[in-house]
Structures are given as C-alpha cells and as structure tokens.
Amino acid sequence: MLWYTDGHKEAIKHMSYTGIEPNLIISTSHDLKVKLFMAENGTFIDELKQIANKYNSVPIGIIYRGEDPITSKPFSSFL
C-alpha cells in the first residue's frame, strides 16, 4: 500500500486515475461528493458537492404537451 486516506463518508461509487500531469485520483461517492487527490501521496486537493436534485430531469430536444415541471408554464409558451 502506497498511501491511505479517509476520503468519503459513504461508499465510493467510482474511482478514476488521470494519466496526465498532475496525476490525480478522482472519486465519486453516495455522499454526493466528487473528490480530487494527488495520486502520488493521497493529498486531498478539493471537492464538489451536489446539494440536491430539486427537479426531475427533463430530456431536451423533445416537444412536450402540458406544463413545464420547473416553471409551471404551458410548454406551448416556449415555442
């Protein structure tokens, strides 16, 4: 083992190594965080956190009938 760190509070979903300089390890977790570490020594660099999904995702490029779930406006007002 080269190094060890407590990176996430919940299970890690994905981990990736960048093959370009600087060599980083990028991890994502069920704690809704993406974290960056130096690959050589495990030094924590930074993190991104998703706060919440406020709205259900809506595919783009499709014409819908009814009401926009985000703005509550009729879809016909966007055409």
C-alpha atoms as a PDB file:
ATOM      1  CA  MET A   1       0.000   0.000   0.000  1.00  0.00           C
ATOM      2  CA  LEU A   2       1.403   3.391  -1.009  1.00  0.00           C
ATOM      3  CA  TRP A   3      -0.977   5.577   0.990  1.00  0.00           C
ATOM      4  CA  TYR A   4      -4.326   5.593   2.758  1.00  0.00           C
ATOM      5  CA  THR A   5      -6.862   8.342   3.373  1.00  0.00           C
ATOM      6  CA  ASP A   6     -10.411   8.663   4.675  1.00  0.00           C
ATOM      7  CA  GLY A   7     -11.954  10.154   1.568  1.00  0.00           C
ATOM      8  CA  HIS A   8     -15.720   9.769   1.795  1.00  0.00           C
ATOM      9  CA  LYS A   9     -18.326   9.265   4.487  1.00  0.00           C
ATOM     10  CA  GLU A  10     -20.259   6.740   2.357  1.00  0.00           C
ATOM     11  CA  ALA A  11     -19.373   4.015  -0.150  1.00  0.00           C
ATOM     12  CA  ILE A  12     -17.347   5.020  -3.208  1.00  0.00           C
ATOM     13  CA  LYS A  13     -19.229   4.574  -6.494  1.00  0.00           C
ATOM     14  CA  HIS A  14     -16.399   5.279  -8.973  1.00  0.00           C
ATOM     15  CA  MET A  15     -12.694   5.974  -8.896  1.00  0.00           C
ATOM     16  CA  SER A  16     -10.538   7.109 -11.804  1.00  0.00           C
ATOM     17  CA  TYR A  17      -6.832   7.777 -12.336  1.00  0.00           C
ATOM     18  CA  THR A  18      -5.753  10.538 -14.708  1.00  0.00           C
ATOM     19  CA  GLY A  19      -2.793   9.593 -16.844  1.00  0.00           C
ATOM     20  CA  ILE A  20      -1.705  13.189 -17.437  1.00  0.00           C
ATOM     21  CA  GLU A  21       0.275  15.549 -15.211  1.00  0.00           C
ATOM     22  CA  PRO A  22      -0.544  16.179 -12.482  1.00  0.00           C
ATOM     23  CA  ASN A  23      -1.585  12.596 -11.798  1.00  0.00           C
ATOM     24  CA  LEU A  24      -4.848  12.717  -9.898  1.00  0.00           C
ATOM     25  CA  ILE A  25      -7.330  10.281  -8.461  1.00  0.00           C
ATOM     26  CA  ILE A  26     -10.944  11.342  -8.856  1.00  0.00           C
ATOM     27  CA  SER A  27     -13.575   9.609  -6.741  1.00  0.00           C
ATOM     28  CA  THR A  28     -17.353   9.825  -6.511  1.00  0.00           C
ATOM     29  CA  SER A  29     -19.476   8.539  -3.676  1.00  0.00           C
ATOM     30  CA  HIS A  30     -23.003   8.003  -2.419  1.00  0.00           C
ATOM     31  CA  ASP A  31     -22.349  11.033  -0.177  1.00  0.00           C
ATOM     32  CA  LEU A  32     -22.921  13.118  -3.378  1.00  0.00           C
ATOM     33  CA  LYS A  33     -19.309  14.352  -3.465  1.00  0.00           C
ATOM     34  CA  VAL A  34     -16.608  14.280  -6.125  1.00  0.00           C
ATOM     35  CA  LYS A  35     -13.135  14.459  -4.587  1.00  0.00           C
ATOM     36  CA  LEU A  36      -9.680  15.038  -6.069  1.00  0.00           C
ATOM     37  CA  PHE A  37      -6.488  13.573  -4.596  1.00  0.00           C
ATOM     38  CA  MET A  38      -2.841  13.633  -5.649  1.00  0.00           C
ATOM     39  CA  ALA A  39      -2.078  10.115  -6.912  1.00  0.00           C
ATOM     40  CA  GLU A  40       1.486  10.050  -5.549  1.00  0.00           C
ATOM     41  CA  ASN A  41       0.749  10.641  -1.881  1.00  0.00           C
ATOM     42  CA  GLY A  42      -3.042  10.891  -1.400  1.00  0.00           C
ATOM     43  CA  THR A  43      -3.048  14.589  -0.578  1.00  0.00           C
ATOM     44  CA  PHE A  44      -6.604  15.933  -0.702  1.00  0.00           C
ATOM     45  CA  ILE A  45      -6.983  18.736  -3.267  1.00  0.00           C
ATOM     46  CA  ASP A  46     -10.639  19.747  -3.449  1.00  0.00           C
ATOM     47  CA  GLU A  47     -14.226  18.511  -3.609  1.00  0.00           C
ATOM     48  CA  LEU A  48     -17.524  19.254  -5.299  1.00  0.00           C
ATOM     49  CA  LYS A  49     -20.831  18.511  -3.593  1.00  0.00           C
ATOM     50  CA  GLN A  50     -24.240  18.133  -5.172  1.00  0.00           C
ATOM     51  CA  ILE A  51     -26.729  19.814  -2.889  1.00  0.00           C
ATOM     52  CA  ALA A  52     -29.926  18.192  -4.160  1.00  0.00           C
ATOM     53  CA  ASN A  53     -31.956  17.371  -7.216  1.00  0.00           C
ATOM     54  CA  LYS A  54     -34.680  19.986  -6.929  1.00  0.00           C
ATOM     55  CA  TYR A  55     -36.469  18.921 -10.097  1.00  0.00           C
ATOM     56  CA  ASN A  56     -36.848  15.750 -12.088  1.00  0.00           C
ATOM     57  CA  SER A  57     -34.672  15.803 -15.175  1.00  0.00           C
ATOM     58  CA  VAL A  58     -36.393  16.680 -18.439  1.00  0.00           C
ATOM     59  CA  PRO A  59     -34.861  15.493 -21.723  1.00  0.00           C
ATOM     60  CA  ILE A  60     -34.098  18.259 -24.212  1.00  0.00           C
ATOM     61  CA  GLY A  61     -34.931  18.301 -27.905  1.00  0.00           C
ATOM     62  CA  ILE A  62     -38.430  16.915 -27.443  1.00  0.00           C
ATOM     63  CA  ILE A  63     -41.663  18.879 -27.706  1.00  0.00           C
ATOM     64  CA  TYR A  64     -43.891  18.184 -24.728  1.00  0.00           C
ATOM     65  CA  ARG A  65     -47.566  18.809 -24.135  1.00  0.00           C
ATOM     66  CA  GLY A  66     -48.751  20.065 -20.825  1.00  0.00           C
ATOM     67  CA  GLU A  67     -46.827  22.018 -18.214  1.00  0.00           C
ATOM     68  CA  ASP A  68     -43.104  22.566 -17.625  1.00  0.00           C
ATOM     69  CA  PRO A  69     -42.330  20.895 -14.255  1.00  0.00           C
ATOM     70  CA  ILE A  70     -39.816  23.627 -13.369  1.00  0.00           C
ATOM     71  CA  THR A  71     -41.619  26.832 -14.350  1.00  0.00           C
ATOM     72  CA  SER A  72     -45.229  25.551 -14.311  1.00  0.00           C
ATOM     73  CA  LYS A  73     -45.757  27.348 -17.657  1.00  0.00           C
ATOM     74  CA  PRO A  74     -47.501  25.618 -20.544  1.00  0.00           C
ATOM     75  CA  PHE A  75     -44.971  24.136 -22.962  1.00  0.00           C
ATOM     76  CA  SER A  76     -46.705  25.945 -25.819  1.00  0.00           C
ATOM     77  CA  SER A  77     -45.366  29.262 -24.388  1.00  0.00           C
ATOM     78  CA  PHE A  78     -41.812  28.142 -25.179  1.00  0.00           C
ATOM     79  CA  LEU A  79     -42.440  27.613 -28.914  1.00  0.00           C
END
